N, C-alpha and C. Protein backbone atom coordinates (compact mmCIF):
# COMPACT_ATOMS: atom_id res chain seq x y z
N UNK A 1 39.29 193.70 42.83
CA UNK A 1 40.34 193.46 44.06
C UNK A 1 41.07 192.22 44.26
N UNK A 2 42.14 192.62 44.10
CA UNK A 2 43.41 191.65 44.92
C UNK A 2 43.30 191.03 46.29
N UNK A 3 43.33 189.82 46.47
CA UNK A 3 43.54 188.83 47.72
C UNK A 3 43.71 189.80 48.53
N UNK A 4 44.05 190.10 50.01
CA UNK A 4 44.82 190.09 50.36
C UNK A 4 46.28 189.31 50.60
N UNK A 5 47.60 189.88 51.35
CA UNK A 5 48.86 189.13 50.96
C UNK A 5 48.34 188.08 52.36
N UNK A 6 47.81 188.34 53.44
CA UNK A 6 47.67 187.07 54.51
C UNK A 6 46.69 186.66 54.20
N UNK A 7 45.44 186.58 53.86
CA UNK A 7 44.49 185.54 52.88
C UNK A 7 45.26 184.69 51.52
N UNK A 8 45.70 185.67 50.65
CA UNK A 8 46.50 184.35 49.52
C UNK A 8 47.42 183.27 50.16
N UNK A 9 48.91 184.27 51.06
CA UNK A 9 49.69 183.10 51.70
C UNK A 9 48.63 181.71 52.54
N UNK A 10 47.58 182.42 52.87
CA UNK A 10 46.39 181.11 54.14
C UNK A 10 45.98 180.45 52.82
N UNK A 11 46.02 180.85 51.47
CA UNK A 11 44.82 180.23 50.38
C UNK A 11 46.16 178.95 49.85
N UNK A 12 47.09 179.20 50.31
CA UNK A 12 48.43 178.70 49.46
C UNK A 12 48.63 177.44 50.53
N UNK A 13 48.99 178.55 51.17
CA UNK A 13 49.06 176.77 52.96
C UNK A 13 48.35 175.62 52.44
N UNK A 14 46.85 176.09 52.61
CA UNK A 14 45.48 175.04 52.82
C UNK A 14 45.66 174.61 51.14
N UNK A 15 46.00 175.09 50.66
CA UNK A 15 46.48 174.16 49.06
C UNK A 15 46.70 173.28 49.37
N UNK A 16 47.67 173.42 50.06
CA UNK A 16 49.10 171.98 49.81
C UNK A 16 48.37 171.03 49.91
N UNK A 17 47.17 171.00 51.58
CA UNK A 17 46.04 169.43 51.53
C UNK A 17 45.84 169.21 50.66
N UNK A 18 45.15 170.46 49.41
CA UNK A 18 44.87 169.87 48.07
C UNK A 18 46.07 168.87 48.00
N UNK A 19 47.20 169.10 48.13
CA UNK A 19 48.45 168.72 46.93
C UNK A 19 48.87 167.52 47.81
N UNK A 20 48.35 167.22 48.88
CA UNK A 20 48.95 165.83 50.00
C UNK A 20 48.03 164.93 49.52
N UNK A 21 46.63 165.59 49.26
CA UNK A 21 45.31 164.61 48.98
C UNK A 21 45.91 163.63 47.57
N UNK A 22 45.81 164.50 46.51
CA UNK A 22 46.41 163.61 45.41
C UNK A 22 48.06 163.03 45.54
N UNK A 23 49.08 163.86 46.19
CA UNK A 23 50.06 163.16 46.16
C UNK A 23 50.14 161.99 46.90
N UNK A 24 48.82 161.47 47.86
CA UNK A 24 48.47 160.06 48.30
C UNK A 24 48.19 159.29 47.22
N UNK A 25 47.79 159.44 45.87
CA UNK A 25 47.88 158.83 44.47
C UNK A 25 49.49 158.79 44.26
N UNK A 26 49.82 160.07 44.88
CA UNK A 26 51.56 160.07 43.33
C UNK A 26 52.20 159.23 44.57
N UNK A 27 52.81 159.77 45.36
CA UNK A 27 53.98 159.40 46.05
C UNK A 27 53.90 160.15 47.20
N UNK A 28 54.19 161.09 47.46
CA UNK A 28 55.04 162.02 48.24
C UNK A 28 54.16 163.23 48.39
N UNK A 29 54.17 164.13 49.27
CA UNK A 29 53.83 165.63 49.52
C UNK A 29 54.91 166.23 49.63
N UNK A 30 55.08 167.61 48.71
CA UNK A 30 56.29 168.02 49.36
C UNK A 30 55.66 169.60 49.26
N UNK A 31 56.72 170.47 50.00
CA UNK A 31 56.72 171.73 50.16
C UNK A 31 56.10 172.51 48.80
N UNK A 32 55.08 173.37 49.73
CA UNK A 32 54.55 174.38 48.53
C UNK A 32 54.80 175.27 48.23
N UNK A 33 56.18 175.82 48.29
CA UNK A 33 56.93 176.69 47.90
C UNK A 33 57.19 176.40 46.11
N UNK A 34 56.76 175.34 46.11
CA UNK A 34 57.56 175.22 44.22
C UNK A 34 55.44 174.62 43.53
N UNK A 35 54.90 175.19 44.05
CA UNK A 35 53.34 175.28 43.77
C UNK A 35 53.20 176.40 42.54
N UNK A 36 53.15 175.92 41.05
CA UNK A 36 52.47 177.34 40.50
C UNK A 36 50.90 177.52 40.30
N UNK A 37 50.83 178.60 40.04
CA UNK A 37 49.26 178.71 40.33
C UNK A 37 49.25 179.66 39.47
N UNK A 38 47.94 179.41 38.67
CA UNK A 38 47.06 180.72 37.92
C UNK A 38 45.42 180.86 38.24
N UNK A 39 45.77 182.54 38.65
CA UNK A 39 44.28 182.44 39.17
C UNK A 39 43.74 183.59 39.09
N UNK A 40 42.96 183.45 38.53
CA UNK A 40 41.83 184.98 37.87
C UNK A 40 40.62 184.74 39.07
N UNK A 41 41.01 186.52 39.69
CA UNK A 41 40.07 186.39 41.38
C UNK A 41 38.98 187.20 40.78
N UNK A 42 37.79 186.77 41.79
CA UNK A 42 36.58 187.82 41.39
C UNK A 42 36.81 188.67 42.66
N UNK A 43 36.58 189.98 42.38
CA UNK A 43 36.40 191.22 43.17
C UNK A 43 35.80 190.87 44.65
N UNK A 44 36.07 190.92 45.28
CA UNK A 44 35.22 190.55 47.06
C UNK A 44 35.43 192.28 47.54
N UNK A 45 34.11 192.50 48.19
CA UNK A 45 34.12 193.56 48.76
C UNK A 45 34.87 193.42 50.23
N UNK A 46 35.65 194.86 50.00
CA UNK A 46 36.65 195.18 51.02
C UNK A 46 35.98 195.18 52.99
N UNK A 47 34.50 195.24 52.17
CA UNK A 47 34.39 195.36 53.95
C UNK A 47 33.80 193.68 54.20
N UNK A 48 33.50 193.04 53.57
CA UNK A 48 33.04 191.22 53.98
C UNK A 48 34.00 190.86 54.92
N UNK A 49 33.17 190.51 56.31
CA UNK A 49 33.94 189.93 57.62
C UNK A 49 35.40 188.67 57.09
N UNK A 50 35.83 189.12 57.70
CA UNK A 50 36.86 188.28 57.07
C UNK A 50 36.93 186.68 58.73
N UNK A 51 35.92 186.57 59.66
CA UNK A 51 35.53 185.52 60.21
C UNK A 51 35.20 184.52 59.57
N UNK A 52 34.10 184.58 58.49
CA UNK A 52 33.48 183.69 58.41
C UNK A 52 33.87 183.98 56.10
N UNK A 53 35.04 184.16 56.14
CA UNK A 53 35.05 184.85 54.58
C UNK A 53 34.99 183.67 53.16
N UNK A 54 34.01 183.61 52.39
CA UNK A 54 34.81 183.26 50.74
C UNK A 54 35.37 183.51 50.06
N UNK A 55 35.91 182.90 49.60
CA UNK A 55 36.71 183.21 48.26
C UNK A 55 36.38 182.42 47.20
N UNK A 56 36.47 183.42 45.90
CA UNK A 56 35.94 181.96 44.77
C UNK A 56 37.12 182.97 43.53
N UNK A 57 37.03 182.03 42.73
CA UNK A 57 38.40 181.85 41.60
C UNK A 57 38.14 180.98 40.80
N UNK A 58 38.02 182.06 39.61
CA UNK A 58 37.80 181.42 38.20
C UNK A 58 39.28 180.88 37.46
N UNK A 59 38.94 180.16 36.30
CA UNK A 59 40.16 179.37 35.72
C UNK A 59 41.31 178.99 36.53
N UNK A 60 41.11 177.63 37.22
CA UNK A 60 42.13 177.77 38.53
C UNK A 60 43.48 176.47 37.32
N UNK A 61 44.60 176.52 37.41
CA UNK A 61 45.44 175.91 36.69
C UNK A 61 46.44 176.18 38.27
N UNK A 62 46.67 174.49 38.69
CA UNK A 62 47.63 174.55 39.44
C UNK A 62 48.70 173.27 38.91
N UNK A 63 49.68 173.68 39.36
CA UNK A 63 51.12 172.49 39.05
C UNK A 63 51.74 173.07 39.88
N UNK A 64 52.04 171.15 40.25
CA UNK A 64 53.38 171.26 41.57
C UNK A 64 54.10 169.84 40.64
N UNK A 65 55.25 170.17 40.64
CA UNK A 65 56.11 168.94 39.91
C UNK A 65 55.29 168.18 38.54
N UNK A 66 54.88 167.03 38.83
CA UNK A 66 54.48 166.23 37.74
C UNK A 66 52.34 166.54 38.01
N UNK A 67 52.44 167.27 39.65
CA UNK A 67 50.64 166.71 39.62
C UNK A 67 50.31 168.32 39.25
N UNK A 68 48.70 168.14 38.52
CA UNK A 68 48.47 169.38 37.67
C UNK A 68 46.82 169.34 38.02
N UNK A 69 46.24 170.72 38.95
CA UNK A 69 44.72 170.46 38.90
C UNK A 69 44.05 171.53 38.31
N UNK A 70 43.34 171.01 37.77
CA UNK A 70 42.43 172.44 36.86
C UNK A 70 40.94 172.28 36.72
N UNK A 71 40.55 173.39 36.87
CA UNK A 71 39.05 173.57 36.76
C UNK A 71 38.57 174.77 36.33
N UNK A 72 37.26 174.63 36.11
CA UNK A 72 36.96 176.40 35.30
C UNK A 72 36.57 177.15 36.49
N UNK A 73 36.24 176.83 37.96
CA UNK A 73 36.37 177.31 39.20
C UNK A 73 36.65 177.11 40.72
N UNK A 74 36.35 177.74 41.37
CA UNK A 74 37.08 177.38 42.95
C UNK A 74 36.41 178.34 44.09
N UNK A 75 35.98 177.17 44.80
CA UNK A 75 35.42 178.10 46.12
C UNK A 75 36.36 177.90 47.54
N UNK A 76 36.27 178.89 48.38
CA UNK A 76 36.69 178.36 49.93
C UNK A 76 36.14 179.28 50.81
N UNK A 77 35.49 178.21 51.53
CA UNK A 77 34.22 178.68 52.45
C UNK A 77 35.54 178.81 54.27
N UNK A 78 34.77 179.79 54.46
CA UNK A 78 35.10 179.57 55.95
C UNK A 78 37.00 179.29 56.30
N UNK A 79 37.29 180.09 55.73
CA UNK A 79 38.84 180.19 55.26
C UNK A 79 39.42 180.73 56.66
N UNK A 80 38.91 181.56 57.56
CA UNK A 80 39.50 181.44 58.40
C UNK A 80 38.74 181.07 60.21
N UNK A 81 38.27 180.09 59.87
CA UNK A 81 37.77 179.09 60.86
C UNK A 81 38.49 177.60 61.25
N UNK A 82 37.80 177.25 62.05
CA UNK A 82 38.46 175.70 62.12
C UNK A 82 37.74 174.47 60.74
N UNK A 83 37.14 174.93 60.04
CA UNK A 83 36.59 173.98 59.47
C UNK A 83 36.86 175.05 57.42
N UNK A 84 37.15 174.40 56.91
CA UNK A 84 37.35 174.73 55.70
C UNK A 84 37.01 174.05 54.64
N UNK A 85 36.79 174.44 53.37
CA UNK A 85 35.87 173.55 52.63
C UNK A 85 36.10 174.11 51.21
N UNK A 86 37.03 173.39 50.34
CA UNK A 86 37.00 173.94 49.04
C UNK A 86 36.36 173.42 47.94
N UNK A 87 36.02 173.14 46.97
CA UNK A 87 34.72 173.53 46.02
C UNK A 87 35.81 173.74 44.69
N UNK A 88 35.43 172.71 43.94
CA UNK A 88 36.31 172.96 42.53
C UNK A 88 35.02 172.37 41.39
N UNK A 89 35.00 173.36 40.95
CA UNK A 89 33.82 172.96 39.96
C UNK A 89 33.69 173.37 38.31
N UNK A 90 33.58 172.22 37.18
CA UNK A 90 33.71 172.61 36.09
C UNK A 90 34.46 172.09 35.38
N UNK A 91 34.30 171.19 35.13
CA UNK A 91 35.74 170.69 33.78
C UNK A 91 36.39 170.21 35.07
N UNK A 92 36.56 169.59 36.26
CA UNK A 92 37.83 168.97 36.94
C UNK A 92 38.84 167.91 36.83
N UNK A 93 39.75 168.12 36.76
CA UNK A 93 40.96 167.13 36.44
C UNK A 93 41.72 167.12 37.77
N UNK A 94 42.00 165.66 37.74
CA UNK A 94 43.14 166.27 38.84
C UNK A 94 43.92 164.83 38.19
N UNK A 95 45.32 165.02 38.29
CA UNK A 95 46.56 164.72 37.16
C UNK A 95 47.78 164.65 37.71
N UNK A 96 47.87 163.41 38.15
CA UNK A 96 49.11 163.09 38.81
C UNK A 96 49.71 161.86 38.13
N UNK A 97 51.01 161.41 38.58
CA UNK A 97 52.03 160.28 37.17
C UNK A 97 51.06 159.10 37.25
N UNK A 98 50.42 158.67 38.39
CA UNK A 98 50.04 157.77 37.96
C UNK A 98 48.36 157.65 38.52
N UNK A 99 47.93 158.64 38.69
CA UNK A 99 46.21 158.42 38.35
C UNK A 99 45.84 159.69 38.24
N UNK A 100 44.78 159.80 37.19
CA UNK A 100 43.69 160.72 36.57
C UNK A 100 42.07 160.92 36.76
N UNK A 101 41.79 162.16 37.87
CA UNK A 101 40.20 161.97 37.98
C UNK A 101 39.72 163.67 37.65
N UNK A 102 38.76 163.06 36.78
CA UNK A 102 37.56 163.57 36.03
C UNK A 102 36.30 163.86 36.51
N UNK A 103 36.16 165.00 36.64
CA UNK A 103 34.63 164.98 37.39
C UNK A 103 33.83 166.31 37.62
N UNK A 104 32.90 166.63 37.52
CA UNK A 104 32.17 168.32 37.07
C UNK A 104 32.21 169.14 38.50
N UNK A 105 32.44 168.59 39.41
CA UNK A 105 32.57 169.01 41.31
C UNK A 105 33.56 168.01 42.32
N UNK A 106 34.38 168.65 42.65
CA UNK A 106 35.24 168.26 43.57
C UNK A 106 35.34 169.13 45.02
N UNK A 107 34.73 168.49 46.03
CA UNK A 107 34.45 169.10 47.47
C UNK A 107 35.27 168.06 47.97
N UNK A 108 36.38 169.25 49.01
CA UNK A 108 37.69 168.28 49.74
C UNK A 108 37.02 169.38 51.29
N UNK A 109 36.40 168.74 52.22
CA UNK A 109 36.58 169.55 53.97
C UNK A 109 37.68 168.96 54.49
N UNK A 110 38.37 169.69 54.96
CA UNK A 110 39.50 169.76 56.13
C UNK A 110 38.97 170.41 57.93
N UNK A 111 39.28 169.80 58.59
CA UNK A 111 38.83 170.32 59.74
C UNK A 111 40.09 170.25 60.93
N UNK A 112 40.62 171.62 61.44
CA UNK A 112 42.15 171.86 61.95
C UNK A 112 43.29 171.30 60.67
N UNK A 113 43.27 171.51 59.76
CA UNK A 113 44.31 171.19 58.77
C UNK A 113 44.30 169.80 58.83
N UNK A 114 42.91 168.94 58.84
CA UNK A 114 43.41 167.76 58.05
C UNK A 114 42.12 167.10 57.67
N UNK A 115 42.83 166.53 56.62
CA UNK A 115 41.41 166.13 55.50
C UNK A 115 40.13 165.39 56.51
N UNK A 116 38.84 165.62 56.02
CA UNK A 116 38.23 164.88 56.35
C UNK A 116 37.06 163.82 55.76
N UNK A 117 36.93 164.57 54.59
CA UNK A 117 36.05 164.14 53.41
C UNK A 117 36.47 164.65 52.36
N UNK A 118 36.30 163.72 51.53
CA UNK A 118 36.57 164.29 49.37
C UNK A 118 35.45 164.25 48.96
N UNK A 119 35.00 163.63 47.88
CA UNK A 119 33.69 163.77 47.03
C UNK A 119 34.36 164.60 45.58
N UNK A 120 34.01 163.33 44.84
CA UNK A 120 33.99 163.48 43.16
C UNK A 120 32.47 163.30 42.91
N UNK A 121 32.12 164.55 42.04
CA UNK A 121 30.34 163.85 41.27
C UNK A 121 30.39 164.95 39.88
N UNK A 122 29.62 163.71 39.47
CA UNK A 122 29.47 164.09 38.05
C UNK A 122 29.02 162.77 37.11
N UNK A 123 27.85 163.04 36.56
CA UNK A 123 27.66 161.92 35.64
C UNK A 123 28.29 161.21 34.99
N UNK A 124 29.72 161.51 34.67
CA UNK A 124 30.81 161.60 33.69
C UNK A 124 31.98 161.44 34.87
N UNK A 125 31.94 161.65 35.77
CA UNK A 125 32.82 161.42 36.77
C UNK A 125 33.86 159.64 36.54
N UNK A 126 35.16 160.07 36.10
CA UNK A 126 36.14 158.48 35.92
C UNK A 126 37.41 158.76 36.85
N UNK A 127 38.00 157.51 36.91
CA UNK A 127 39.14 157.79 37.59
C UNK A 127 40.33 156.40 36.32
N UNK A 128 41.56 156.92 36.50
CA UNK A 128 42.44 155.84 35.49
C UNK A 128 43.87 155.78 36.34
N UNK A 129 44.36 154.95 36.46
CA UNK A 129 45.44 154.64 37.62
C UNK A 129 46.52 154.03 37.03
N UNK A 130 47.45 154.10 36.83
CA UNK A 130 48.88 154.11 36.17
C UNK A 130 49.75 152.53 37.34
N UNK A 131 50.71 152.37 36.19
CA UNK A 131 52.10 151.81 37.46
C UNK A 131 53.39 153.38 36.52
N UNK A 132 54.22 152.86 37.38
CA UNK A 132 55.10 154.14 37.09
C UNK A 132 55.54 153.59 35.58
N UNK A 133 55.44 152.88 34.92
CA UNK A 133 55.94 153.22 33.09
C UNK A 133 54.56 154.07 32.28
N UNK A 134 53.88 153.86 33.62
CA UNK A 134 52.75 154.87 32.57
C UNK A 134 51.91 153.91 32.05
N UNK A 135 51.80 152.82 32.01
CA UNK A 135 50.56 151.97 31.69
C UNK A 135 49.22 152.29 32.61
N UNK A 136 48.29 151.69 31.68
CA UNK A 136 46.79 152.01 32.54
C UNK A 136 46.61 150.05 32.99
N UNK A 137 46.35 150.44 34.80
CA UNK A 137 46.56 149.41 34.89
C UNK A 137 45.03 149.07 36.06
N UNK A 138 43.82 150.44 35.72
CA UNK A 138 42.44 150.11 35.73
C UNK A 138 41.99 151.67 35.93
N UNK A 139 40.93 151.04 36.03
CA UNK A 139 39.85 152.54 35.41
C UNK A 139 38.84 152.53 36.23
N UNK A 140 37.89 153.78 36.03
CA UNK A 140 36.23 153.23 36.43
C UNK A 140 35.93 155.06 36.94
N UNK A 141 34.23 154.44 36.67
CA UNK A 141 33.06 155.85 36.46
C UNK A 141 32.05 155.85 37.81
N UNK A 142 31.98 156.25 37.93
CA UNK A 142 30.42 156.74 38.74
C UNK A 142 30.04 157.90 38.55
N UNK A 143 28.78 158.19 39.40
CA UNK A 143 28.56 159.44 39.88
C UNK A 143 29.12 160.26 40.41
N UNK A 144 29.25 159.35 41.51
CA UNK A 144 29.62 159.69 42.91
C UNK A 144 31.61 159.15 43.43
N UNK A 145 31.85 159.92 43.57
CA UNK A 145 33.45 159.22 44.52
C UNK A 145 33.52 159.15 45.60
N UNK A 146 33.92 159.04 46.45
CA UNK A 146 34.70 159.82 47.89
C UNK A 146 35.78 158.96 48.29
N UNK A 147 36.49 159.82 48.63
CA UNK A 147 38.14 159.10 48.66
C UNK A 147 38.53 158.98 50.22
N UNK A 148 39.03 157.72 50.89
CA UNK A 148 39.28 158.01 51.95
C UNK A 148 41.04 158.08 51.96
N UNK A 149 41.80 159.24 52.10
CA UNK A 149 43.27 159.40 52.15
C UNK A 149 43.60 158.83 52.59
N UNK A 150 43.09 158.21 54.17
CA UNK A 150 43.86 157.40 54.98
C UNK A 150 44.39 156.03 54.56
N UNK A 151 43.32 155.54 54.19
CA UNK A 151 43.36 153.97 53.58
C UNK A 151 43.17 153.76 51.91
N UNK A 152 43.54 155.14 51.65
CA UNK A 152 43.70 154.66 50.09
C UNK A 152 42.36 154.10 49.29
N UNK A 153 41.46 153.84 49.70
CA UNK A 153 40.40 153.88 48.85
C UNK A 153 39.27 154.89 48.35
N UNK A 154 39.02 154.35 46.94
CA UNK A 154 37.64 154.79 46.38
C UNK A 154 36.71 154.20 46.28
N UNK A 155 35.49 154.71 46.89
CA UNK A 155 34.00 154.62 47.06
C UNK A 155 33.33 154.91 45.84
N UNK A 156 32.67 154.32 45.32
CA UNK A 156 31.72 154.71 44.06
C UNK A 156 30.75 154.27 43.96
N UNK A 157 29.74 155.26 44.39
CA UNK A 157 28.21 155.25 44.18
C UNK A 157 27.42 155.07 42.86
N UNK A 158 26.31 154.55 42.39
CA UNK A 158 25.35 154.94 41.37
C UNK A 158 26.28 154.97 40.05
N UNK A 159 25.73 153.92 39.56
CA UNK A 159 26.79 153.20 38.05
C UNK A 159 27.90 153.20 37.91
N UNK A 160 28.19 152.62 39.38
CA UNK A 160 29.60 152.84 39.64
C UNK A 160 30.11 151.65 38.42
N UNK A 161 31.57 151.65 37.69
CA UNK A 161 32.12 150.43 37.25
C UNK A 161 33.24 150.30 37.32
N UNK A 162 34.59 149.01 37.49
CA UNK A 162 35.32 149.54 37.75
C UNK A 162 36.40 148.04 36.81
N UNK A 163 37.24 148.38 35.82
CA UNK A 163 38.01 147.27 35.89
C UNK A 163 39.69 147.57 36.19
N UNK A 164 39.85 146.16 37.04
CA UNK A 164 41.43 146.41 37.53
C UNK A 164 42.66 145.66 36.90
N UNK A 165 42.28 145.76 35.57
CA UNK A 165 42.85 144.35 34.44
C UNK A 165 42.75 143.36 34.68
N UNK A 166 42.18 142.15 35.66
CA UNK A 166 41.59 141.38 35.89
C UNK A 166 40.49 140.80 36.07
N UNK A 167 39.69 141.84 36.59
CA UNK A 167 38.06 141.57 37.10
C UNK A 167 37.70 142.88 36.06
N UNK A 168 36.33 143.00 36.09
CA UNK A 168 35.38 144.14 35.79
C UNK A 168 34.31 144.30 36.53
N UNK A 169 34.25 145.42 37.24
CA UNK A 169 32.65 145.04 37.84
C UNK A 169 31.57 145.92 38.27
N UNK A 170 30.82 146.04 38.05
CA UNK A 170 29.45 147.21 37.61
C UNK A 170 28.66 146.67 39.08
N UNK A 171 27.99 148.19 39.38
CA UNK A 171 26.84 147.73 40.54
C UNK A 171 27.05 149.37 40.86
N UNK A 172 26.28 149.86 42.22
CA UNK A 172 25.55 150.85 42.48
C UNK A 172 26.67 150.80 43.34
N UNK A 173 27.00 150.24 44.36
CA UNK A 173 28.56 150.72 45.78
C UNK A 173 29.28 149.67 45.49
N UNK A 174 30.37 150.21 44.97
CA UNK A 174 32.29 149.71 44.51
C UNK A 174 33.03 150.66 45.42
N UNK A 175 33.95 149.82 45.93
CA UNK A 175 34.83 150.49 46.95
C UNK A 175 36.38 150.14 45.80
N UNK A 176 37.08 150.11 45.70
CA UNK A 176 38.58 149.69 45.41
C UNK A 176 39.89 150.66 45.64
N UNK A 177 40.97 149.35 46.67
CA UNK A 177 41.58 149.83 46.82
C UNK A 177 42.94 149.88 46.34
N UNK A 178 43.41 151.65 46.32
CA UNK A 178 44.13 152.44 44.75
C UNK A 178 45.56 151.94 45.22
N UNK A 179 46.05 150.89 46.36
CA UNK A 179 47.08 150.36 46.53
C UNK A 179 47.02 148.44 46.68
N UNK A 180 46.48 147.79 47.01
CA UNK A 180 45.95 146.65 46.73
C UNK A 180 45.11 145.79 45.55
N UNK A 181 45.07 147.15 44.83
CA UNK A 181 44.08 147.18 43.53
C UNK A 181 42.88 145.95 43.43
N UNK A 182 42.33 145.76 45.56
CA UNK A 182 40.58 144.47 45.16
C UNK A 182 39.95 145.75 45.20
N UNK A 183 38.99 145.28 44.72
CA UNK A 183 37.44 145.31 44.48
C UNK A 183 36.46 144.99 45.36
N UNK A 184 35.97 146.00 46.31
CA UNK A 184 34.82 145.25 46.67
C UNK A 184 33.24 145.42 45.80
N UNK A 185 32.61 145.08 45.75
CA UNK A 185 30.92 144.91 45.47
C UNK A 185 29.89 144.91 46.24
N UNK A 186 28.81 145.88 46.58
CA UNK A 186 27.53 146.01 47.50
C UNK A 186 26.42 145.72 47.16
N UNK A 187 25.81 145.03 46.87
CA UNK A 187 24.09 144.87 45.78
C UNK A 187 23.34 146.13 46.38
N UNK A 188 23.44 146.62 47.85
CA UNK A 188 22.74 147.79 48.05
C UNK A 188 21.13 147.73 47.44
N UNK A 189 20.81 147.09 48.60
CA UNK A 189 19.38 147.26 48.21
C UNK A 189 18.99 146.30 47.49
N UNK A 190 19.76 145.08 47.04
CA UNK A 190 19.34 144.33 46.33
C UNK A 190 19.24 144.45 44.62
N UNK A 191 20.28 145.57 44.22
CA UNK A 191 20.68 145.96 43.15
C UNK A 191 21.40 145.13 42.91
N UNK A 192 21.63 144.76 41.05
CA UNK A 192 22.61 143.13 40.71
C UNK A 192 23.91 144.31 40.71
N UNK A 193 24.57 142.98 40.80
CA UNK A 193 25.96 143.32 40.87
C UNK A 193 26.54 142.94 39.33
N UNK A 194 27.56 143.16 38.52
CA UNK A 194 27.86 142.23 37.80
C UNK A 194 29.16 142.28 37.72
N UNK A 195 29.73 140.49 37.40
CA UNK A 195 31.45 140.26 38.11
C UNK A 195 31.75 139.85 36.80
N UNK A 196 32.37 140.36 35.80
CA UNK A 196 32.95 139.17 34.97
C UNK A 196 34.90 139.24 34.50
N UNK A 197 35.45 137.87 34.69
CA UNK A 197 36.69 137.68 35.04
C UNK A 197 37.34 137.35 34.24
N UNK A 198 38.91 137.96 33.64
CA UNK A 198 39.02 137.72 32.56
C UNK A 198 40.21 136.32 32.62
N UNK A 199 39.77 135.23 32.24
CA UNK A 199 40.23 133.39 32.49
C UNK A 199 41.31 133.44 32.20
N UNK A 200 42.23 134.44 31.60
CA UNK A 200 43.69 134.47 31.37
C UNK A 200 44.36 135.06 32.31
N UNK A 201 43.88 135.24 33.63
CA UNK A 201 45.09 136.38 35.05
C UNK A 201 44.46 134.78 35.49
N UNK A 202 44.38 133.82 35.16
CA UNK A 202 43.93 132.85 36.14
C UNK A 202 45.18 131.55 36.01
N UNK A 203 45.65 131.11 37.46
CA UNK A 203 47.05 130.13 36.70
C UNK A 203 45.95 129.02 36.82
């Protein structure tokens, strides 16, 4: 079946917040009207209760100007309540002009249309940050990423590694500021932290 017009328009409206999330990496978010989507919908029984409806989509491909979100599937939980959870699964790619994030699963939580939490999960999860000339200025990997949209901070946990062009840090807990490009590493329960400093960057 096709998702009802009411639910589909609400889906697009809520999808705006995903674009705003990654738009924070980009430069600014704009209206949802320009979003192109390619979505295959899994049939949902018409009798399913709308108060707490789950929607499931396959082969997700979203385009917003120079922003792309791709995944094998996506699930939206509690669409008609105050809390909405978006879950993208399988070969997830979030691509903008200056940031590329790849992971096995991305979980975005909203309350009253405000982003509360974002997680990117997977053994091969990674990010790359580029400047306006598309030159690589930072990259990192970890099994879990948490993104603080307000502070523009990536928190990386478990086998984390970051290189900001001047320093290379590895450990089990690293935070990286996407704007200031500074790295903070925590030993977390005595686990080792490795720091490599590029001597050519020291005046």
